[in-house]
Amino acid sequence: MKPDKCSLCKGKMKKGKTDFTIKIDHKIMSITDIPAYICDNCGEAYFTPDASKLIDKAMIKFSKQKVALYPISAGEISFKEVGQIV
């Protein structure tokens, strides 16, 4: 079901693709090109129930190290450090 309006800013929703990145313990998983409804005003993404289920399953397998991932470059900075450089 397509959401009518963004729950954050009330902007219009349109079909698109987005990425999802999560840190589990000290490992990072990024899933790209996920079909979603995206707010044309603030960019908030809403996943379909089917996409959400697949993401949940991938996170479970990832946390159990049953998923082969491509290596990516990543940097990490704490929120406190962000405040120091901005």
PDB file of N, CA and C in Angstrom:
ATOM      1  N   MET A   1       0.842  -1.166   0.000  1.00  0.00           N
ATOM      2  CA  MET A   1       0.000   0.000   0.000  1.00  0.00           C
ATOM      3  C   MET A   1       0.900   1.246   0.000  1.00  0.00           C
ATOM      4  N   LYS A   2       0.613   2.173  -0.889  1.00  0.00           N
ATOM      5  CA  LYS A   2       1.385   3.403  -1.006  1.00  0.00           C
ATOM      6  C   LYS A   2       0.945   4.405   0.059  1.00  0.00           C
ATOM      7  N   PRO A   3       1.915   4.928   0.819  1.00  0.00           N
ATOM      8  CA  PRO A   3       1.543   5.979   1.776  1.00  0.00           C
ATOM      9  C   PRO A   3       1.134   7.251   1.031  1.00  0.00           C
ATOM     10  N   ASP A   4       0.123   7.935   1.531  1.00  0.00           N
ATOM     11  CA  ASP A   4      -0.365   9.156   0.880  1.00  0.00           C
ATOM     12  C   ASP A   4       0.591  10.329   1.084  1.00  0.00           C
ATOM     13  N   LYS A   5       0.986  10.533   2.332  1.00  0.00           N
ATOM     14  CA  LYS A   5       1.838  11.669   2.675  1.00  0.00           C
ATOM     15  C   LYS A   5       2.922  11.222   3.635  1.00  0.00           C
ATOM     16  N   CYS A   6       4.013  11.943   3.624  1.00  0.00           N
ATOM     17  CA  CYS A   6       5.102  11.698   4.567  1.00  0.00           C
ATOM     18  C   CYS A   6       4.608  12.013   5.982  1.00  0.00           C
ATOM     19  N   SER A   7       4.867  11.118   6.911  1.00  0.00           N
ATOM     20  CA  SER A   7       4.422  11.361   8.290  1.00  0.00           C
ATOM     21  C   SER A   7       5.286  12.405   8.994  1.00  0.00           C
ATOM     22  N   LEU A   8       6.458  12.703   8.428  1.00  0.00           N
ATOM     23  CA  LEU A   8       7.321  13.709   9.052  1.00  0.00           C
ATOM     24  C   LEU A   8       6.992  15.126   8.611  1.00  0.00           C
ATOM     25  N   CYS A   9       6.850  15.321   7.276  1.00  0.00           N
ATOM     26  CA  CYS A   9       6.685  16.699   6.776  1.00  0.00           C
ATOM     27  C   CYS A   9       5.433  16.887   5.925  1.00  0.00           C
ATOM     28  N   LYS A  10       4.674  15.809   5.734  1.00  0.00           N
ATOM     29  CA  LYS A  10       3.442  15.829   4.931  1.00  0.00           C
ATOM     30  C   LYS A  10       3.707  16.021   3.435  1.00  0.00           C
ATOM     31  N   GLY A  11       4.951  15.791   2.987  1.00  0.00           N
ATOM     32  CA  GLY A  11       5.292  15.876   1.573  1.00  0.00           C
ATOM     33  C   GLY A  11       4.687  14.732   0.778  1.00  0.00           C
ATOM     34  N   LYS A  12       4.751  14.819  -0.543  1.00  0.00           N
ATOM     35  CA  LYS A  12       4.209  13.791  -1.423  1.00  0.00           C
ATOM     36  C   LYS A  12       5.194  12.633  -1.540  1.00  0.00           C
ATOM     37  N   MET A  13       4.644  11.429  -1.627  1.00  0.00           N
ATOM     38  CA  MET A  13       5.461  10.226  -1.735  1.00  0.00           C
ATOM     39  C   MET A  13       5.541   9.789  -3.199  1.00  0.00           C
ATOM     40  N   LYS A  14       6.727   9.331  -3.614  1.00  0.00           N
ATOM     41  CA  LYS A  14       6.892   8.815  -4.965  1.00  0.00           C
ATOM     42  C   LYS A  14       7.721   7.539  -4.911  1.00  0.00           C
ATOM     43  N   LYS A  15       7.503   6.668  -5.898  1.00  0.00           N
ATOM     44  CA  LYS A  15       8.275   5.430  -5.966  1.00  0.00           C
ATOM     45  C   LYS A  15       9.721   5.752  -6.308  1.00  0.00           C
ATOM     46  N   GLY A  16      10.617   5.007  -5.691  1.00  0.00           N
ATOM     47  CA  GLY A  16      12.029   5.186  -5.967  1.00  0.00           C
ATOM     48  C   GLY A  16      12.824   4.048  -5.360  1.00  0.00           C
ATOM     49  N   LYS A  17      14.114   4.262  -5.238  1.00  0.00           N
ATOM     50  CA  LYS A  17      14.997   3.278  -4.612  1.00  0.00           C
ATOM     51  C   LYS A  17      15.883   4.010  -3.621  1.00  0.00           C
ATOM     52  N   THR A  18      16.242   3.308  -2.555  1.00  0.00           N
ATOM     53  CA  THR A  18      17.090   3.905  -1.535  1.00  0.00           C
ATOM     54  C   THR A  18      18.031   2.847  -0.988  1.00  0.00           C
ATOM     55  N   ASP A  19      18.910   3.260  -0.118  1.00  0.00           N
ATOM     56  CA  ASP A  19      19.858   2.359   0.525  1.00  0.00           C
ATOM     57  C   ASP A  19      19.520   2.246   2.005  1.00  0.00           C
ATOM     58  N   PHE A  20      19.983   1.168   2.607  1.00  0.00           N
ATOM     59  CA  PHE A  20      19.786   0.940   4.039  1.00  0.00           C
ATOM     60  C   PHE A  20      21.115   0.457   4.597  1.00  0.00           C
ATOM     61  N   THR A  21      21.624   1.147   5.598  1.00  0.00           N
ATOM     62  CA  THR A  21      22.897   0.780   6.211  1.00  0.00           C
ATOM     63  C   THR A  21      22.674   0.609   7.701  1.00  0.00           C
ATOM     64  N   ILE A  22      23.262  -0.467   8.240  1.00  0.00           N
ATOM     65  CA  ILE A  22      23.106  -0.746   9.669  1.00  0.00           C
ATOM     66  C   ILE A  22      24.421  -1.267  10.224  1.00  0.00           C
ATOM     67  N   LYS A  23      24.666  -0.936  11.477  1.00  0.00           N
ATOM     68  CA  LYS A  23      25.826  -1.455  12.193  1.00  0.00           C
ATOM     69  C   LYS A  23      25.327  -2.470  13.202  1.00  0.00           C
ATOM     70  N   ILE A  24      25.845  -3.687  13.117  1.00  0.00           N
ATOM     71  CA  ILE A  24      25.516  -4.742  14.069  1.00  0.00           C
ATOM     72  C   ILE A  24      26.827  -5.156  14.714  1.00  0.00           C
ATOM     73  N   ASP A  25      26.923  -4.989  16.006  1.00  0.00           N
ATOM     74  CA  ASP A  25      28.175  -5.150  16.744  1.00  0.00           C
ATOM     75  C   ASP A  25      29.199  -4.203  16.126  1.00  0.00           C
ATOM     76  N   HIS A  26      30.280  -4.731  15.576  1.00  0.00           N
ATOM     77  CA  HIS A  26      31.298  -3.876  14.962  1.00  0.00           C
ATOM     78  C   HIS A  26      31.344  -4.074  13.453  1.00  0.00           C
ATOM     79  N   LYS A  27      30.274  -4.568  12.884  1.00  0.00           N
ATOM     80  CA  LYS A  27      30.221  -4.826  11.448  1.00  0.00           C
ATOM     81  C   LYS A  27      29.133  -3.964  10.820  1.00  0.00           C
ATOM     82  N   ILE A  28      29.380  -3.547   9.587  1.00  0.00           N
ATOM     83  CA  ILE A  28      28.424  -2.695   8.873  1.00  0.00           C
ATOM     84  C   ILE A  28      27.895  -3.445   7.663  1.00  0.00           C
ATOM     85  N   MET A  29      26.572  -3.408   7.495  1.00  0.00           N
ATOM     86  CA  MET A  29      25.936  -3.988   6.325  1.00  0.00           C
ATOM     87  C   MET A  29      25.186  -2.876   5.610  1.00  0.00           C
ATOM     88  N   SER A  30      25.359  -2.812   4.302  1.00  0.00           N
ATOM     89  CA  SER A  30      24.651  -1.827   3.494  1.00  0.00           C
ATOM     90  C   SER A  30      23.925  -2.549   2.376  1.00  0.00           C
ATOM     91  N   ILE A  31      22.636  -2.291   2.261  1.00  0.00           N
ATOM     92  CA  ILE A  31      21.814  -2.867   1.197  1.00  0.00           C
ATOM     93  C   ILE A  31      21.449  -1.720   0.264  1.00  0.00           C
ATOM     94  N   THR A  32      21.712  -1.886  -1.015  1.00  0.00           N
ATOM     95  CA  THR A  32      21.458  -0.806  -1.973  1.00  0.00           C
ATOM     96  C   THR A  32      20.252  -1.112  -2.847  1.00  0.00           C
ATOM     97  N   ASP A  33      19.737  -0.084  -3.480  1.00  0.00           N
ATOM     98  CA  ASP A  33      18.659  -0.188  -4.470  1.00  0.00           C
ATOM     99  C   ASP A  33      17.400  -0.865  -3.941  1.00  0.00           C
ATOM    100  N   ILE A  34      16.987  -0.489  -2.757  1.00  0.00           N
ATOM    101  CA  ILE A  34      15.772  -1.053  -2.167  1.00  0.00           C
ATOM    102  C   ILE A  34      14.571  -0.268  -2.678  1.00  0.00           C
ATOM    103  N   PRO A  35      13.571  -0.950  -3.251  1.00  0.00           N
ATOM    104  CA  PRO A  35      12.368  -0.237  -3.674  1.00  0.00           C
ATOM    105  C   PRO A  35      11.671   0.371  -2.454  1.00  0.00           C
ATOM    106  N   ALA A  36      11.269   1.616  -2.585  1.00  0.00           N
ATOM    107  CA  ALA A  36      10.637   2.307  -1.458  1.00  0.00           C
ATOM    108  C   ALA A  36       9.798   3.458  -1.982  1.00  0.00           C
ATOM    109  N   TYR A  37       8.994   3.993  -1.092  1.00  0.00           N
ATOM    110  CA  TYR A  37       8.301   5.250  -1.370  1.00  0.00           C
ATOM    111  C   TYR A  37       9.117   6.331  -0.668  1.00  0.00           C
ATOM    112  N   ILE A  38       9.475   7.377  -1.402  1.00  0.00           N
ATOM    113  CA  ILE A  38      10.375   8.400  -0.893  1.00  0.00           C
ATOM    114  C   ILE A  38       9.672   9.753  -0.942  1.00  0.00           C
ATOM    115  N   CYS A  39       9.784  10.490   0.153  1.00  0.00           N
ATOM    116  CA  CYS A  39       9.177  11.817   0.228  1.00  0.00           C
ATOM    117  C   CYS A  39       9.926  12.770  -0.689  1.00  0.00           C
ATOM    118  N   ASP A  40       9.183  13.477  -1.546  1.00  0.00           N
ATOM    119  CA  ASP A  40       9.829  14.411  -2.472  1.00  0.00           C
ATOM    120  C   ASP A  40      10.240  15.712  -1.786  1.00  0.00           C
ATOM    121  N   ASN A  41       9.898  15.859  -0.512  1.00  0.00           N
ATOM    122  CA  ASN A  41      10.270  17.066   0.216  1.00  0.00           C
ATOM    123  C   ASN A  41      11.469  16.833   1.146  1.00  0.00           C
ATOM    124  N   CYS A  42      11.377  15.836   2.027  1.00  0.00           N
ATOM    125  CA  CYS A  42      12.444  15.633   3.021  1.00  0.00           C
ATOM    126  C   CYS A  42      13.320  14.415   2.744  1.00  0.00           C
ATOM    127  N   GLY A  43      12.895  13.531   1.825  1.00  0.00           N
ATOM    128  CA  GLY A  43      13.706  12.369   1.469  1.00  0.00           C
ATOM    129  C   GLY A  43      13.509  11.152   2.355  1.00  0.00           C
ATOM    130  N   GLU A  44      12.606  11.224   3.315  1.00  0.00           N
ATOM    131  CA  GLU A  44      12.332  10.079   4.177  1.00  0.00           C
ATOM    132  C   GLU A  44      11.836   8.915   3.320  1.00  0.00           C
ATOM    133  N   ALA A  45      12.352   7.715   3.601  1.00  0.00           N
ATOM    134  CA  ALA A  45      11.989   6.531   2.819  1.00  0.00           C
ATOM    135  C   ALA A  45      11.066   5.627   3.626  1.00  0.00           C
ATOM    136  N   TYR A  46      10.080   5.080   2.939  1.00  0.00           N
ATOM    137  CA  TYR A  46       9.154   4.130   3.534  1.00  0.00           C
ATOM    138  C   TYR A  46       9.243   2.836   2.733  1.00  0.00           C
ATOM    139  N   PHE A  47       9.633   1.750   3.405  1.00  0.00           N
ATOM    140  CA  PHE A  47       9.744   0.465   2.735  1.00  0.00           C
ATOM    141  C   PHE A  47       8.386  -0.229   2.689  1.00  0.00           C
ATOM    142  N   THR A  48       8.173  -1.005   1.633  1.00  0.00           N
ATOM    143  CA  THR A  48       6.967  -1.819   1.564  1.00  0.00           C
ATOM    144  C   THR A  48       7.093  -2.936   2.599  1.00  0.00           C
ATOM    145  N   PRO A  49       5.983  -3.542   2.987  1.00  0.00           N
ATOM    146  CA  PRO A  49       6.076  -4.661   3.930  1.00  0.00           C
ATOM    147  C   PRO A  49       6.983  -5.792   3.406  1.00  0.00           C
ATOM    148  N   ASP A  50       6.910  -6.087   2.107  1.00  0.00           N
ATOM    149  CA  ASP A  50       7.763  -7.139   1.542  1.00  0.00           C
ATOM    150  C   ASP A  50       9.238  -6.780   1.642  1.00  0.00           C
ATOM    151  N   ALA A  51       9.576  -5.532   1.334  1.00  0.00           N
ATOM    152  CA  ALA A  51      10.970  -5.092   1.430  1.00  0.00           C
ATOM    153  C   ALA A  51      11.437  -5.140   2.886  1.00  0.00           C
ATOM    154  N   SER A  52      10.579  -4.723   3.811  1.00  0.00           N
ATOM    155  CA  SER A  52      10.934  -4.749   5.233  1.00  0.00           C
ATOM    156  C   SER A  52      11.221  -6.161   5.707  1.00  0.00           C
ATOM    157  N   LYS A  53      10.406  -7.117   5.260  1.00  0.00           N
ATOM    158  CA  LYS A  53      10.619  -8.514   5.649  1.00  0.00           C
ATOM    159  C   LYS A  53      11.963  -9.024   5.136  1.00  0.00           C
ATOM    160  N   LEU A  54      12.302  -8.692   3.891  1.00  0.00           N
ATOM    161  CA  LEU A  54      13.589  -9.130   3.337  1.00  0.00           C
ATOM    162  C   LEU A  54      14.760  -8.482   4.080  1.00  0.00           C
ATOM    163  N   ILE A  55      14.630  -7.210   4.409  1.00  0.00           N
ATOM    164  CA  ILE A  55      15.681  -6.528   5.164  1.00  0.00           C
ATOM    165  C   ILE A  55      15.856  -7.195   6.525  1.00  0.00           C
ATOM    166  N   ASP A  56      14.752  -7.487   7.206  1.00  0.00           N
ATOM    167  CA  ASP A  56      14.817  -8.151   8.513  1.00  0.00           C
ATOM    168  C   ASP A  56      15.525  -9.497   8.408  1.00  0.00           C
ATOM    169  N   LYS A  57      15.180 -10.285   7.396  1.00  0.00           N
ATOM    170  CA  LYS A  57      15.815 -11.593   7.209  1.00  0.00           C
ATOM    171  C   LYS A  57      17.312 -11.444   6.930  1.00  0.00           C
ATOM    172  N   ALA A  58      17.668 -10.457   6.112  1.00  0.00           N
ATOM    173  CA  ALA A  58      19.080 -10.220   5.804  1.00  0.00           C
ATOM    174  C   ALA A  58      19.846  -9.819   7.066  1.00  0.00           C
ATOM    175  N   MET A  59      19.245  -8.988   7.911  1.00  0.00           N
ATOM    176  CA  MET A  59      19.918  -8.570   9.143  1.00  0.00           C
ATOM    177  C   MET A  59      20.145  -9.752  10.078  1.00  0.00           C
ATOM    178  N   ILE A  60      19.177 -10.653  10.158  1.00  0.00           N
ATOM    179  CA  ILE A  60      19.330 -11.838  11.007  1.00  0.00           C
ATOM    180  C   ILE A  60      20.469 -12.708  10.494  1.00  0.00           C
ATOM    181  N   LYS A  61      20.487 -12.962   9.186  1.00  0.00           N
ATOM    182  CA  LYS A  61      21.562 -13.778   8.619  1.00  0.00           C
ATOM    183  C   LYS A  61      22.907 -13.095   8.765  1.00  0.00           C
ATOM    184  N   PHE A  62      22.941 -11.789   8.554  1.00  0.00           N
ATOM    185  CA  PHE A  62      24.177 -11.035   8.690  1.00  0.00           C
ATOM    186  C   PHE A  62      24.711 -11.133  10.115  1.00  0.00           C
ATOM    187  N   SER A  63      23.825 -10.993  11.093  1.00  0.00           N
ATOM    188  CA  SER A  63      24.261 -11.042  12.491  1.00  0.00           C
ATOM    189  C   SER A  63      24.794 -12.423  12.859  1.00  0.00           C
ATOM    190  N   LYS A  64      24.366 -13.453  12.130  1.00  0.00           N
ATOM    191  CA  LYS A  64      24.852 -14.814  12.361  1.00  0.00           C
ATOM    192  C   LYS A  64      25.975 -15.188  11.397  1.00  0.00           C
ATOM    193  N   GLN A  65      26.445 -14.197  10.616  1.00  0.00           N
ATOM    194  CA  GLN A  65      27.526 -14.377   9.649  1.00  0.00           C
ATOM    195  C   GLN A  65      27.196 -15.419   8.583  1.00  0.00           C
ATOM    196  N   LYS A  66      25.968 -15.410   8.108  1.00  0.00           N
ATOM    197  CA  LYS A  66      25.554 -16.337   7.059  1.00  0.00           C
ATOM    198  C   LYS A  66      25.317 -15.616   5.738  1.00  0.00           C
ATOM    199  N   VAL A  67      25.856 -14.403   5.619  1.00  0.00           N
ATOM    200  CA  VAL A  67      25.686 -13.611   4.414  1.00  0.00           C
ATOM    201  C   VAL A  67      27.067 -13.210   3.914  1.00  0.00           C
ATOM    202  N   ALA A  68      27.314 -13.430   2.625  1.00  0.00           N
ATOM    203  CA  ALA A  68      28.570 -12.977   2.025  1.00  0.00           C
ATOM    204  C   ALA A  68      28.372 -11.558   1.517  1.00  0.00           C
ATOM    205  N   LEU A  69      29.240 -10.662   1.937  1.00  0.00           N
ATOM    206  CA  LEU A  69      29.123  -9.263   1.552  1.00  0.00           C
ATOM    207  C   LEU A  69      30.344  -8.826   0.762  1.00  0.00           C
ATOM    208  N   TYR A  70      30.153  -7.813  -0.066  1.00  0.00           N
ATOM    209  CA  TYR A  70      31.274  -7.196  -0.763  1.00  0.00           C
ATOM    210  C   TYR A  70      31.937  -6.214   0.184  1.00  0.00           C
ATOM    211  N   PRO A  71      33.266  -6.158   0.207  1.00  0.00           N
ATOM    212  CA  PRO A  71      33.918  -5.178   1.083  1.00  0.00           C
ATOM    213  C   PRO A  71      33.661  -3.746   0.595  1.00  0.00           C
ATOM    214  N   ILE A  72      33.467  -2.843   1.538  1.00  0.00           N
ATOM    215  CA  ILE A  72      33.284  -1.424   1.213  1.00  0.00           C
ATOM    216  C   ILE A  72      34.191  -0.603   2.110  1.00  0.00           C
ATOM    217  N   SER A  73      34.538   0.568   1.658  1.00  0.00           N
ATOM    218  CA  SER A  73      35.264   1.494   2.516  1.00  0.00           C
ATOM    219  C   SER A  73      34.257   2.173   3.427  1.00  0.00           C
ATOM    220  N   ALA A  74      34.612   2.317   4.673  1.00  0.00           N
ATOM    221  CA  ALA A  74      33.707   2.985   5.605  1.00  0.00           C
ATOM    222  C   ALA A  74      34.524   3.705   6.652  1.00  0.00           C
ATOM    223  N   GLY A  75      34.017   4.823   7.067  1.00  0.00           N
ATOM    224  CA  GLY A  75      34.608   5.545   8.178  1.00  0.00           C
ATOM    225  C   GLY A  75      33.576   5.655   9.275  1.00  0.00           C
ATOM    226  N   GLU A  76      34.032   5.846  10.480  1.00  0.00           N
ATOM    227  CA  GLU A  76      33.095   5.963  11.580  1.00  0.00           C
ATOM    228  C   GLU A  76      33.473   7.156  12.429  1.00  0.00           C
ATOM    229  N   ILE A  77      32.479   7.904  12.835  1.00  0.00           N
ATOM    230  CA  ILE A  77      32.681   9.053  13.699  1.00  0.00           C
ATOM    231  C   ILE A  77      31.520   9.092  14.680  1.00  0.00           C
ATOM    232  N   SER A  78      31.824   9.384  15.930  1.00  0.00           N
ATOM    233  CA  SER A  78      30.765   9.439  16.934  1.00  0.00           C
ATOM    234  C   SER A  78      29.986  10.737  16.783  1.00  0.00           C
ATOM    235  N   PHE A  79      28.781  10.737  17.301  1.00  0.00           N
ATOM    236  CA  PHE A  79      27.955  11.935  17.245  1.00  0.00           C
ATOM    237  C   PHE A  79      28.634  13.082  17.996  1.00  0.00           C
ATOM    238  N   LYS A  80      29.301  12.756  19.096  1.00  0.00           N
ATOM    239  CA  LYS A  80      30.018  13.773  19.862  1.00  0.00           C
ATOM    240  C   LYS A  80      31.122  14.400  19.007  1.00  0.00           C
ATOM    241  N   GLU A  81      31.840  13.565  18.248  1.00  0.00           N
ATOM    242  CA  GLU A  81      32.908  14.078  17.384  1.00  0.00           C
ATOM    243  C   GLU A  81      32.347  14.937  16.262  1.00  0.00           C
ATOM    244  N   VAL A  82      31.170  14.576  15.759  1.00  0.00           N
ATOM    245  CA  VAL A  82      30.536  15.387  14.714  1.00  0.00           C
ATOM    246  C   VAL A  82      30.329  16.802  15.241  1.00  0.00           C
ATOM    247  N   GLY A  83      29.863  16.912  16.461  1.00  0.00           N
ATOM    248  CA  GLY A  83      29.629  18.225  17.066  1.00  0.00           C
ATOM    249  C   GLY A  83      30.914  19.037  17.197  1.00  0.00           C
ATOM    250  N   GLN A  84      32.035  18.363  17.312  1.00  0.00           N
ATOM    251  CA  GLN A  84      33.320  19.062  17.455  1.00  0.00           C
ATOM    252  C   GLN A  84      33.860  19.587  16.121  1.00  0.00           C
ATOM    253  N   ILE A  85      33.450  18.979  15.011  1.00  0.00           N
ATOM    254  CA  ILE A  85      34.000  19.404  13.723  1.00  0.00           C
ATOM    255  C   ILE A  85      33.054  20.304  12.952  1.00  0.00           C
ATOM    256  N   VAL A  86      31.817  20.414  13.403  1.00  0.00           N
ATOM    257  CA  VAL A  86      30.838  21.239  12.676  1.00  0.00           C
ATOM    258  C   VAL A  86      30.849  22.659  13.185  1.00  0.00           C
TER     259      VAL A  86
END
